[in-house]
Structures are given as structure tokens and as C-alpha cells.
Amino acid sequence: MGFEEIMRTITAGMTGEKEKDAKYLVEQMEKYKDHEMGKEIVRACGRLLYNCIPEDDKNKLERFVNNNRMSYESVLDEARFKQHEKKYDEALNLVEGVIRNLEEINLFADDQVSEYHCFNEFFEAMLYRHYAKPTKDQRQASIPMDEIYLLQGSILIDLRRYSDAESALAKAMRWNPVNARIAFEHAETRKLQGDMDGFFQLTLDTFRYAFRPKDVARCFRNLGFYFTEKELWKESVACFTMSLQYEPESTMAMSELYYIQQKTGRIIPPPSMEEYKKISEKYGFPVRVHPDILPLAFAYGNQLKENGDYEGARYCWQIVYDLTGAEEIKERMNQFPKEE
């Protein structure tokens, strides 16, 4: 029998009496532990078993999990402080101790039924579904594995161990493949190793996950850095100018435009929109925000609104508004029922 059929058989044997069902599920876990789908069956039974646990025991279990999470977080906080003090070797030892522990336990290993990620917000999960089209059940890891590998990568960059940092950040991206902040750090390791073409390509990929104005701005700044390195001044000015559309107060973009002026000895005006679109098409980057982002955020907002989830709809449409400033979106949100 396959997984689905086995689980249907197991659930059919449950009585609704929690004590009996708990004993029954433990027996089923023992029975199927050596099955080819044993890991998946045991996990599924474990989730059913949780519902059979008395509330007091659930609270004890949750306290245990939270205490372990807090112990990891306290070590990571100490590592961040050591990094701030520039005690990079000490910081790295702390983080890698946590990683060794977590990798040994291997709590969140994917199986044939489920896959685990660390999405930080709803729209990240939606982007992952949109791009990856996963066939397995999506489960959220209760420990922020992405943040742990991100911290490791950041410290390795401080230590100028750029290749090791790239590997750590690739692991961070495995846990959260649609987080722009992690993707930027991953791309940065390519730049630090002198691989500007790799940096450029990873930046193009990051546009797909950039749904906050500051992240879209950074995508365009990264392209601007690339074109500056190649001494493609018109293209560089175009990208830094576009980045300022999304982050007008960016001193970094303004400094780069000033640098180009000093380097070339002249003011290079931003290209016309027609010229800019030709540059965008030539190098394969979006004219503005990636074309998938706005329709997806709007569609989810509309769906949530239809379901009466105004808070969720507001979250999605706020993404659209922040990226476009469209008054129509603001008016739609203003029509939502007032929160009591």
C-alpha cells in the first residue's frame, strides 16, 4: 500500500477517544517504522498523536520546544554581539556549534510527503508556490534555519572566507529560496570573489523575490555596480536612476552617480524611457518591479477579500501600493470594514 492508503487505513481505525487513539497511533508508528515510507508515516501519525495529547501535556511539550528554541537564540544573539565586537572567530565558533547540533538532530529533513522551509511572511510562501510549484506538503520549520546559515555566511564574509560564505548562504537559500535579503548576500559573495558576471546573474534572479521597494532599489543598484565595473556608463546611470525611484533617499545610489560624473568628467543624463527599455531588453532585467510580483499580490489580495479576510487582503494590497503608489489600491483598502 502507498502512503495515502496506509494513512486512510490508520485514521479509519481511530475511535475519537483520545487515550485509546494515542495508544493506537503509537502502535501504528512502531508497526510502520521500517516501511519504505516509514519516515513519512511516523511523522503523519505524530501529527495526529499531538491532537490526542491532554492540554497540560501539550503545554509542557510546547514549553520544551520553546526553551530549546530560546537556547539556540541566546547563543545566536551572543554570536551577533561577538560579530559586532569584530571577534569573528569567536562568533563563528558559536554559530557553527549550533549548526552542528541542528544538523545532527536533523529535525526538518524533507521526506517523500513533506518539505520544510523557513518563510518569514505569507507572500514569501506564495512566491515559492508560484515559482517552484511544489508537489509535497509545505511545512514551516520551527527553528529559523535560514537565519542561522545567513549569520554564518555574514561572519565568513567578515573573515574574508568568501567561498565558504557562498556555501553557507546557499544553504540559507535552500531553507528560504525566496528571501531577497539572503539572495543579496549570496550574490555579494560572487562580487567579492571578482565574479561580476555571476553577481549580475544572481541579481537578475533576485528580482523575482523583490517585493519591497528597498529590495527592488537594491536590485537596480546591483545592476548599476555591475555596469560601472564594465564602464558601461549609460547603462549604469539608467539603473541607479531607476533605483532612486524605489528608494529616493539612497545615499549609495546618489554617491555612485556622483562617482560616474567624476570618473567620466561629465554629467550623463538618464536615458529616455524608450532607450531605457532597450537597455532592459538587451540585458534581460525588468523595466521596473518583476512582472510577476504585482499581479500575484493583487490576485491574492482579491481572493482574501472575497473570503472576508480583510487583514490578509490589506497585507497583499499594501505590497502593490508600496511598489506603485496607485491611489486606486489605497481607495480599495479604505473601503474595508473598520477594525474594532
Protein backbone atom coordinates (compact mmCIF):
# COMPACT_ATOMS: atom_id res chain seq x y z
CA MET A 1 0.00 0.00 0.00
CA GLY A 2 1.08 3.56 -0.65
CA PHE A 3 1.30 6.37 1.86
CA GLU A 4 -2.18 7.79 1.26
CA GLU A 5 -3.87 4.38 1.50
CA ILE A 6 -1.95 3.47 4.68
CA MET A 7 -2.89 6.76 6.34
CA ARG A 8 -6.54 6.30 5.38
CA THR A 9 -6.43 2.83 6.98
CA ILE A 10 -4.80 4.21 10.13
CA THR A 11 -7.24 7.10 10.54
CA ALA A 12 -10.17 4.74 9.92
CA GLY A 13 -9.03 2.80 12.98
CA MET A 14 -9.25 5.81 15.28
CA THR A 15 -12.20 5.95 17.70
CA GLY A 16 -12.29 9.60 18.77
CA GLU A 17 -11.31 8.64 22.33
CA LYS A 18 -8.02 10.41 22.85
CA GLU A 19 -6.41 7.96 25.25
CA LYS A 20 -7.22 4.92 23.11
CA ASP A 21 -6.24 6.73 19.91
CA ALA A 22 -2.90 7.80 21.40
CA LYS A 23 -2.02 4.19 22.26
CA TYR A 24 -3.25 3.04 18.85
CA LEU A 25 -1.17 5.61 16.97
CA VAL A 26 1.99 4.67 18.89
CA GLU A 27 1.35 1.05 17.87
CA GLN A 28 0.94 2.11 14.23
CA MET A 29 4.18 4.12 14.35
CA GLU A 30 6.00 1.03 15.63
CA LYS A 31 4.31 -1.15 13.01
CA TYR A 32 5.29 1.01 10.04
CA LYS A 33 8.66 2.38 11.18
CA ASP A 34 10.59 0.04 8.83
CA HIS A 35 8.22 0.54 5.89
CA GLU A 36 9.72 2.21 2.77
CA MET A 37 7.55 5.23 3.64
CA GLY A 38 8.22 4.77 7.35
CA LYS A 39 9.55 8.28 7.98
CA GLU A 40 6.53 9.86 6.33
CA ILE A 41 4.03 7.56 8.13
CA VAL A 42 5.64 8.09 11.55
CA ARG A 43 5.60 11.87 11.06
CA ALA A 44 1.96 11.86 9.95
CA CYS A 45 0.99 9.70 12.94
CA GLY A 46 2.97 12.04 15.17
CA ARG A 47 0.88 14.97 13.99
CA LEU A 48 -2.30 13.01 14.72
CA LEU A 49 -0.89 11.95 18.09
CA TYR A 50 -0.34 15.58 19.06
CA ASN A 51 -4.11 16.14 18.87
CA CYS A 52 -4.62 13.27 21.34
CA ILE A 53 -2.29 14.72 23.96
CA PRO A 54 -4.05 16.31 27.00
CA GLU A 55 -3.80 20.10 27.09
CA ASP A 56 -1.45 20.07 30.11
CA ASP A 57 0.96 17.77 28.30
CA LYS A 58 0.70 19.88 25.14
CA ASN A 59 1.70 22.91 27.17
CA LYS A 60 4.67 21.02 28.61
CA LEU A 61 5.74 19.93 25.12
CA GLU A 62 5.42 23.47 23.77
CA ARG A 63 7.46 24.82 26.69
CA PHE A 64 10.15 22.23 25.95
CA VAL A 65 10.26 23.22 22.27
CA ASN A 66 10.27 26.94 23.12
CA ASN A 67 13.04 26.51 25.69
CA ASN A 68 15.21 24.73 23.16
CA ARG A 69 14.46 27.45 20.60
CA MET A 70 15.36 30.12 23.15
CA SER A 71 18.63 28.36 23.97
CA TYR A 72 19.59 28.47 20.28
CA GLU A 73 18.50 32.09 20.00
CA SER A 74 20.56 33.12 23.05
CA VAL A 75 23.69 31.55 21.51
CA LEU A 76 22.98 33.26 18.19
CA ASP A 77 22.45 36.60 19.95
CA GLU A 78 25.83 36.16 21.60
CA ALA A 79 27.36 35.35 18.21
CA ARG A 80 25.87 38.54 16.75
CA PHE A 81 27.35 40.53 19.63
CA LYS A 82 30.76 38.94 19.07
CA GLN A 83 30.47 39.84 15.39
CA HIS A 84 29.64 43.42 16.35
CA GLU A 85 32.78 43.46 18.51
CA LYS A 86 34.74 42.17 15.47
CA LYS A 87 35.57 38.94 17.34
CA TYR A 88 34.76 37.00 14.21
CA ASP A 89 36.42 33.67 15.09
CA GLU A 90 34.55 33.51 18.39
CA ALA A 91 31.28 34.42 16.69
CA LEU A 92 31.80 31.73 14.04
CA ASN A 93 32.55 29.06 16.66
CA LEU A 94 29.26 29.84 18.41
CA VAL A 95 27.20 29.67 15.22
CA GLU A 96 28.87 26.53 13.95
CA GLY A 97 28.24 24.84 17.29
CA VAL A 98 24.53 25.47 16.86
CA ILE A 99 24.67 24.26 13.25
CA ARG A 100 26.44 21.02 14.19
CA ASN A 101 23.80 20.34 16.82
CA LEU A 102 20.88 21.02 14.48
CA GLU A 103 22.36 19.06 11.58
CA GLU A 104 22.93 16.07 13.88
CA ILE A 105 19.33 16.16 15.12
CA ASN A 106 18.07 16.74 11.55
CA LEU A 107 14.58 17.63 12.74
CA PHE A 108 13.38 19.13 9.49
CA ALA A 109 14.57 16.66 6.87
CA ASP A 110 12.38 16.55 3.77
CA ASP A 111 10.68 13.26 3.07
CA GLN A 112 8.54 11.88 0.24
CA VAL A 113 5.44 13.68 1.53
CA SER A 114 6.63 16.90 3.16
CA GLU A 115 9.25 19.59 2.64
CA TYR A 116 10.37 22.13 5.21
CA HIS A 117 11.18 25.81 4.74
CA CYS A 118 11.57 28.95 6.80
CA PHE A 119 9.36 31.57 5.18
CA ASN A 120 9.19 34.81 7.13
CA GLU A 121 5.85 36.02 5.80
CA PHE A 122 2.85 34.98 3.77
CA PHE A 123 3.94 36.41 0.42
CA GLU A 124 7.27 34.57 0.51
CA ALA A 125 5.37 31.28 0.78
CA MET A 126 3.12 32.35 -2.09
CA LEU A 127 6.11 33.25 -4.28
CA TYR A 128 7.67 29.86 -3.58
CA ARG A 129 4.47 28.10 -4.62
CA HIS A 130 4.26 30.25 -7.74
CA TYR A 131 7.84 29.59 -8.88
CA ALA A 132 8.63 26.11 -7.55
CA LYS A 133 5.16 24.58 -7.94
CA PRO A 134 5.91 22.05 -5.17
CA THR A 135 4.05 18.75 -5.13
CA LYS A 136 4.79 17.97 -1.47
CA ASP A 137 3.09 19.35 1.64
CA GLN A 138 4.71 22.60 2.74
CA ARG A 139 5.75 22.76 6.40
CA GLN A 140 7.33 25.57 8.35
CA ALA A 141 10.48 24.68 10.31
CA SER A 142 10.07 25.89 13.89
CA ILE A 143 13.74 26.95 14.10
CA PRO A 144 14.91 29.73 11.71
CA MET A 145 17.47 27.66 9.82
CA ASP A 146 17.71 30.33 7.12
CA GLU A 147 18.73 33.00 9.65
CA ILE A 148 21.32 30.68 11.21
CA TYR A 149 23.07 30.00 7.89
CA LEU A 150 22.71 33.67 6.94
CA LEU A 151 24.55 34.64 10.13
CA GLN A 152 27.24 32.05 9.42
CA GLY A 153 27.66 33.43 5.90
CA SER A 154 27.83 37.01 7.15
CA ILE A 155 30.59 36.15 9.64
CA LEU A 156 32.52 34.23 6.98
CA ILE A 157 32.35 37.32 4.76
CA ASP A 158 33.81 39.36 7.65
CA LEU A 159 36.60 36.77 7.81
CA ARG A 160 37.09 37.13 4.03
CA ARG A 161 36.38 33.44 3.54
CA TYR A 162 34.20 34.22 0.57
CA SER A 163 33.91 30.74 -0.94
CA ASP A 164 32.84 29.29 2.43
CA ALA A 165 30.42 32.19 2.85
CA GLU A 166 28.89 31.40 -0.55
CA SER A 167 28.32 27.77 0.55
CA ALA A 168 26.70 28.85 3.84
CA LEU A 169 24.43 31.32 2.08
CA ALA A 170 23.44 28.69 -0.49
CA LYS A 171 22.22 26.62 2.48
CA ALA A 172 20.32 29.63 3.80
CA MET A 173 18.64 29.89 0.40
CA ARG A 174 17.71 26.21 0.49
CA TRP A 175 15.67 26.96 3.63
CA ASN A 176 14.22 30.16 2.22
CA PRO A 177 14.64 30.31 -1.56
CA VAL A 178 12.57 33.49 -1.98
CA ASN A 179 14.08 35.87 0.57
CA ALA A 180 15.69 38.87 -1.11
CA ARG A 181 17.96 39.70 1.85
CA ILE A 182 19.57 36.25 1.76
CA ALA A 183 19.77 36.33 -2.05
CA PHE A 184 21.60 39.68 -1.95
CA GLU A 185 24.19 38.34 0.48
CA HIS A 186 24.63 35.25 -1.68
CA ALA A 187 25.16 37.42 -4.76
CA GLU A 188 27.60 39.61 -2.82
CA THR A 189 29.95 36.65 -2.33
CA ARG A 190 30.31 36.42 -6.12
CA LYS A 191 31.23 40.10 -6.34
CA LEU A 192 33.75 39.74 -3.52
CA GLN A 193 35.39 36.87 -5.41
CA GLY A 194 35.63 39.00 -8.54
CA ASP A 195 32.91 37.11 -10.41
CA MET A 196 30.93 40.11 -11.62
CA ASP A 197 29.03 38.10 -14.24
CA GLY A 198 27.89 35.69 -11.51
CA PHE A 199 26.93 38.67 -9.37
CA PHE A 200 24.90 40.06 -12.27
CA GLN A 201 23.09 36.77 -12.93
CA LEU A 202 22.19 36.22 -9.26
CA THR A 203 20.87 39.78 -9.11
CA LEU A 204 18.62 39.08 -12.10
CA ASP A 205 17.29 36.05 -10.19
CA THR A 206 16.66 38.17 -7.09
CA PHE A 207 14.25 40.46 -8.94
CA ARG A 208 11.76 37.58 -8.74
CA TYR A 209 11.70 37.82 -4.92
CA ALA A 210 11.96 41.60 -4.51
CA PHE A 211 8.51 42.74 -3.38
CA ARG A 212 9.55 45.61 -1.09
CA PRO A 213 10.64 48.94 -2.58
CA LYS A 214 14.03 48.86 -0.83
CA ASP A 215 14.72 45.41 -2.30
CA VAL A 216 13.75 46.47 -5.82
CA ALA A 217 16.01 49.50 -5.35
CA ARG A 218 18.90 47.28 -4.33
CA CYS A 219 18.41 45.05 -7.37
CA PHE A 220 18.82 48.08 -9.61
CA ARG A 221 21.79 49.33 -7.57
CA ASN A 222 23.47 45.96 -8.01
CA LEU A 223 23.00 46.23 -11.77
CA GLY A 224 24.39 49.75 -11.59
CA PHE A 225 27.53 48.46 -9.81
CA TYR A 226 27.93 45.80 -12.48
CA PHE A 227 27.66 48.28 -15.34
CA THR A 228 30.04 50.71 -13.59
CA GLU A 229 32.58 47.90 -13.27
CA LYS A 230 32.20 47.30 -17.03
CA GLU A 231 32.41 51.08 -17.68
CA LEU A 232 29.01 50.98 -19.36
CA TRP A 233 28.14 54.45 -18.09
CA LYS A 234 24.78 54.99 -19.79
CA GLU A 235 23.50 51.63 -18.51
CA SER A 236 24.86 52.32 -15.04
CA VAL A 237 23.19 55.74 -14.82
CA ALA A 238 19.93 54.19 -16.02
CA CYS A 239 19.95 51.60 -13.23
CA PHE A 240 20.99 53.93 -10.42
CA THR A 241 18.34 56.40 -11.55
CA MET A 242 15.68 53.67 -11.51
CA SER A 243 16.82 52.55 -8.05
CA LEU A 244 16.10 56.06 -6.78
CA GLN A 245 12.50 55.66 -7.96
CA TYR A 246 12.09 52.99 -5.28
CA GLU A 247 14.39 54.42 -2.61
CA PRO A 248 14.67 58.19 -3.20
CA GLU A 249 16.85 58.83 -0.13
CA SER A 250 19.51 56.27 -1.04
CA THR A 251 22.85 57.95 -0.46
CA MET A 252 24.55 54.93 -2.03
CA ALA A 253 22.84 55.41 -5.40
CA MET A 254 23.47 59.17 -5.34
CA SER A 255 27.13 58.60 -4.42
CA GLU A 256 27.53 56.21 -7.34
CA LEU A 257 26.03 58.71 -9.76
CA TYR A 258 28.46 61.31 -8.44
CA TYR A 259 31.33 58.82 -8.86
CA ILE A 260 30.34 58.27 -12.51
CA GLN A 261 30.34 62.03 -13.06
CA GLN A 262 33.83 62.32 -11.53
CA LYS A 263 35.14 59.30 -13.45
CA THR A 264 33.83 60.41 -16.85
CA GLY A 265 34.29 64.14 -16.32
CA ARG A 266 30.75 64.85 -17.46
CA ILE A 267 27.13 64.57 -16.40
CA ILE A 268 25.49 61.64 -18.18
CA PRO A 269 21.73 62.25 -18.30
CA PRO A 270 19.37 59.38 -17.61
CA PRO A 271 18.18 57.74 -20.84
CA SER A 272 14.69 58.31 -22.15
CA MET A 273 12.14 55.64 -21.31
CA GLU A 274 12.44 54.28 -24.83
CA GLU A 275 16.23 54.00 -24.52
CA TYR A 276 15.90 52.54 -21.04
CA LYS A 277 13.54 49.80 -22.27
CA LYS A 278 16.06 48.87 -24.98
CA ILE A 279 18.80 48.55 -22.31
CA SER A 280 16.50 46.47 -20.14
CA GLU A 281 15.64 44.18 -23.03
CA LYS A 282 19.27 43.82 -24.10
CA TYR A 283 20.49 42.75 -20.65
CA GLY A 284 17.38 40.85 -19.54
CA PHE A 285 16.28 42.78 -16.47
CA PRO A 286 12.77 44.07 -15.69
CA VAL A 287 11.85 47.64 -16.60
CA ARG A 288 10.61 48.13 -13.03
CA VAL A 289 9.48 45.58 -10.43
CA HIS A 290 9.45 41.98 -11.72
CA PRO A 291 6.29 41.43 -13.80
CA ASP A 292 5.11 38.51 -11.64
CA ILE A 293 5.01 40.44 -8.35
CA LEU A 294 2.16 42.93 -8.75
CA PRO A 295 -0.40 40.60 -10.42
CA LEU A 296 0.31 37.90 -7.83
CA ALA A 297 -0.02 40.24 -4.83
CA PHE A 298 -3.18 41.79 -6.26
CA ALA A 299 -4.75 38.40 -7.04
CA TYR A 300 -4.09 37.02 -3.56
CA GLY A 301 -5.43 40.24 -2.05
CA ASN A 302 -8.58 39.91 -4.10
CA GLN A 303 -9.02 36.26 -3.14
CA LEU A 304 -8.56 37.02 0.57
CA LYS A 305 -11.02 39.91 0.35
CA GLU A 306 -13.61 37.62 -1.25
CA ASN A 307 -13.10 35.23 1.67
CA GLY A 308 -13.68 38.04 4.16
CA ASP A 309 -10.05 38.14 5.30
CA TYR A 310 -9.59 41.91 5.14
CA GLU A 311 -6.37 41.87 7.14
CA GLY A 312 -4.82 39.45 4.65
CA ALA A 313 -6.14 41.43 1.70
CA ARG A 314 -4.74 44.64 3.17
CA TYR A 315 -1.33 42.96 3.59
CA CYS A 316 -1.25 41.89 -0.07
CA TRP A 317 -2.58 45.13 -1.49
CA GLN A 318 -0.20 47.14 0.66
CA ILE A 319 2.61 45.41 -1.25
CA VAL A 320 1.04 46.64 -4.50
CA TYR A 321 0.52 50.15 -3.15
CA ASP A 322 4.06 50.46 -1.76
CA LEU A 323 5.51 49.49 -5.13
CA THR A 324 3.21 51.63 -7.28
CA GLY A 325 1.64 54.37 -5.17
CA ALA A 326 -1.61 53.60 -7.02
CA GLU A 327 -4.44 55.61 -5.44
CA GLU A 328 -6.97 53.06 -6.67
CA ILE A 329 -5.40 50.44 -4.38
CA LYS A 330 -5.43 52.84 -1.44
CA GLU A 331 -9.13 53.58 -2.08
CA ARG A 332 -9.91 49.85 -2.17
CA MET A 333 -8.23 49.36 1.21
CA ASN A 334 -10.04 52.37 2.67
CA GLN A 335 -13.33 50.66 1.86
CA PHE A 336 -12.55 47.72 4.15
CA PRO A 337 -14.60 47.49 7.36
CA LYS A 338 -13.04 49.36 10.26
CA GLU A 339 -11.18 47.14 12.71
CA GLU A 340 -12.82 47.11 16.12
